[in-house]
């Protein structure tokens, strides 16, 4: 009796195994990002500010020197004044 060895089933088995591995890796990546294991970012502070800019005439009438502006904190997170940088142009 002569038995013939066949390799016909090797390729489909390897293909199925590769698909399973890819599926497991994708599922693991989605789980990591969905559960927040990667880390949480700190939310940006939010504040509502009211800015009033006064003309030279208003400023001089009220004893101020030159054009001035007032910034009023209306609501939201506290603003630490050491972190403020104002640029005028």
C-alpha atoms as a PDB file:
ATOM      1  CA  UNK A   1       0.000   0.000   0.000  1.00  0.00           C
ATOM      2  CA  UNK A   2       1.318   3.374  -0.988  1.00  0.00           C
ATOM      3  CA  UNK A   3       0.173   6.368   0.980  1.00  0.00           C
ATOM      4  CA  UNK A   4       0.454   9.779  -0.531  1.00  0.00           C
ATOM      5  CA  UNK A   5       1.195  12.683   1.763  1.00  0.00           C
ATOM      6  CA  UNK A   6      -0.942  15.750   0.977  1.00  0.00           C
ATOM      7  CA  UNK A   7      -0.224  19.337   1.975  1.00  0.00           C
ATOM      8  CA  UNK A   8      -3.573  20.674   0.722  1.00  0.00           C
ATOM      9  CA  UNK A   9      -4.878  21.592   4.194  1.00  0.00           C
ATOM     10  CA  UNK A  10      -1.762  23.430   5.416  1.00  0.00           C
ATOM     11  CA  UNK A  11      -2.443  26.713   3.640  1.00  0.00           C
ATOM     12  CA  UNK A  12      -6.082  27.131   4.838  1.00  0.00           C
ATOM     13  CA  UNK A  13      -5.101  26.316   8.436  1.00  0.00           C
ATOM     14  CA  UNK A  14      -2.322  28.914   8.407  1.00  0.00           C
ATOM     15  CA  UNK A  15      -4.725  31.459   6.883  1.00  0.00           C
ATOM     16  CA  UNK A  16      -7.321  30.863   9.590  1.00  0.00           C
ATOM     17  CA  UNK A  17      -4.698  31.099  12.332  1.00  0.00           C
ATOM     18  CA  UNK A  18      -3.396  34.405  10.941  1.00  0.00           C
ATOM     19  CA  UNK A  19      -6.939  35.817  10.825  1.00  0.00           C
ATOM     20  CA  UNK A  20      -7.482  34.774  14.441  1.00  0.00           C
ATOM     21  CA  UNK A  21      -4.233  36.410  15.537  1.00  0.00           C
ATOM     22  CA  UNK A  22      -5.097  39.653  13.739  1.00  0.00           C
ATOM     23  CA  UNK A  23      -8.593  39.628  15.308  1.00  0.00           C
ATOM     24  CA  UNK A  24      -7.181  39.117  18.810  1.00  0.00           C
ATOM     25  CA  UNK A  25      -4.626  41.917  18.354  1.00  0.00           C
ATOM     26  CA  UNK A  26      -7.295  44.350  17.094  1.00  0.00           C
ATOM     27  CA  UNK A  27      -9.628  43.397  19.958  1.00  0.00           C
ATOM     28  CA  UNK A  28      -6.837  43.956  22.488  1.00  0.00           C
ATOM     29  CA  UNK A  29      -6.003  47.384  21.018  1.00  0.00           C
ATOM     30  CA  UNK A  30      -9.658  48.477  21.068  1.00  0.00           C
ATOM     31  CA  UNK A  31     -10.038  47.260  24.660  1.00  0.00           C
ATOM     32  CA  UNK A  32      -6.942  49.151  25.809  1.00  0.00           C
ATOM     33  CA  UNK A  33      -8.124  52.441  24.308  1.00  0.00           C
ATOM     34  CA  UNK A  34     -11.773  51.962  25.362  1.00  0.00           C
ATOM     35  CA  UNK A  35     -10.963  51.269  29.018  1.00  0.00           C
ATOM     36  CA  UNK A  36      -8.542  54.174  29.330  1.00  0.00           C
ATOM     37  CA  UNK A  37      -5.476  52.135  30.196  1.00  0.00           C
ATOM     38  CA  UNK A  38      -3.374  54.384  27.973  1.00  0.00           C
ATOM     39  CA  UNK A  39      -3.899  57.331  30.317  1.00  0.00           C
ATOM     40  CA  UNK A  40      -6.201  60.250  30.703  1.00  0.00           C
ATOM     41  CA  UNK A  41      -5.379  63.745  29.573  1.00  0.00           C
ATOM     42  CA  UNK A  42      -6.126  66.670  31.825  1.00  0.00           C
ATOM     43  CA  UNK A  43      -8.951  68.804  30.449  1.00  0.00           C
ATOM     44  CA  UNK A  44      -8.111  72.345  29.440  1.00  0.00           C
ATOM     45  CA  UNK A  45      -9.320  75.075  31.784  1.00  0.00           C
ATOM     46  CA  UNK A  46     -12.366  77.005  30.619  1.00  0.00           C
ATOM     47  CA  UNK A  47     -13.108  80.559  31.700  1.00  0.00           C
ATOM     48  CA  UNK A  48     -15.453  83.285  30.493  1.00  0.00           C
ATOM     49  CA  UNK A  49     -13.823  86.710  30.438  1.00  0.00           C
ATOM     50  CA  UNK A  50     -15.308  90.104  29.585  1.00  0.00           C
ATOM     51  CA  UNK A  51     -12.873  92.556  27.990  1.00  0.00           C
ATOM     52  CA  UNK A  52     -13.699  96.260  27.804  1.00  0.00           C
ATOM     53  CA  UNK A  53     -11.384  98.516  25.801  1.00  0.00           C
ATOM     54  CA  UNK A  54     -11.625 102.232  26.546  1.00  0.00           C
ATOM     55  CA  UNK A  55     -10.598 104.971  24.161  1.00  0.00           C
ATOM     56  CA  UNK A  56      -8.101 107.699  24.975  1.00  0.00           C
ATOM     57  CA  UNK A  57     -10.896 110.209  25.590  1.00  0.00           C
ATOM     58  CA  UNK A  58     -12.696 107.963  28.113  1.00  0.00           C
ATOM     59  CA  UNK A  59      -9.444 107.114  29.851  1.00  0.00           C
ATOM     60  CA  UNK A  60      -8.344 110.750  30.168  1.00  0.00           C
ATOM     61  CA  UNK A  61     -11.800 111.814  31.437  1.00  0.00           C
ATOM     62  CA  UNK A  62     -11.592 109.230  34.236  1.00  0.00           C
ATOM     63  CA  UNK A  63      -8.030 109.977  35.312  1.00  0.00           C
ATOM     64  CA  UNK A  64      -6.437 107.062  33.460  1.00  0.00           C
ATOM     65  CA  UNK A  65      -3.304 107.444  31.384  1.00  0.00           C
ATOM     66  CA  UNK A  66      -3.843 106.481  27.764  1.00  0.00           C
ATOM     67  CA  UNK A  67      -6.134 103.817  26.377  1.00  0.00           C
ATOM     68  CA  UNK A  68      -6.949 101.145  28.923  1.00  0.00           C
ATOM     69  CA  UNK A  69      -8.815  97.892  29.063  1.00  0.00           C
ATOM     70  CA  UNK A  70     -10.460  95.980  31.847  1.00  0.00           C
ATOM     71  CA  UNK A  71     -10.659  92.206  31.959  1.00  0.00           C
ATOM     72  CA  UNK A  72     -13.388  90.816  34.180  1.00  0.00           C
ATOM     73  CA  UNK A  73     -13.628  87.128  35.074  1.00  0.00           C
ATOM     74  CA  UNK A  74     -17.307  86.198  34.699  1.00  0.00           C
ATOM     75  CA  UNK A  75     -17.364  82.439  35.265  1.00  0.00           C
ATOM     76  CA  UNK A  76     -15.490  79.176  34.844  1.00  0.00           C
ATOM     77  CA  UNK A  77     -12.166  77.983  36.173  1.00  0.00           C
ATOM     78  CA  UNK A  78      -9.993  80.345  38.189  1.00  0.00           C
ATOM     79  CA  UNK A  79      -7.260  82.077  36.228  1.00  0.00           C
ATOM     80  CA  UNK A  80      -3.886  82.324  37.923  1.00  0.00           C
ATOM     81  CA  UNK A  81      -2.512  85.775  37.095  1.00  0.00           C
ATOM     82  CA  UNK A  82       1.078  84.527  36.949  1.00  0.00           C
ATOM     83  CA  UNK A  83       0.097  82.465  33.888  1.00  0.00           C
ATOM     84  CA  UNK A  84      -1.403  85.398  31.941  1.00  0.00           C
ATOM     85  CA  UNK A  85       0.415  86.811  28.953  1.00  0.00           C
ATOM     86  CA  UNK A  86      -1.224  89.710  27.111  1.00  0.00           C
ATOM     87  CA  UNK A  87       0.001  90.637  23.633  1.00  0.00           C
ATOM     88  CA  UNK A  88      -1.196  93.825  21.965  1.00  0.00           C
ATOM     89  CA  UNK A  89      -0.633  94.796  18.390  1.00  0.00           C
END
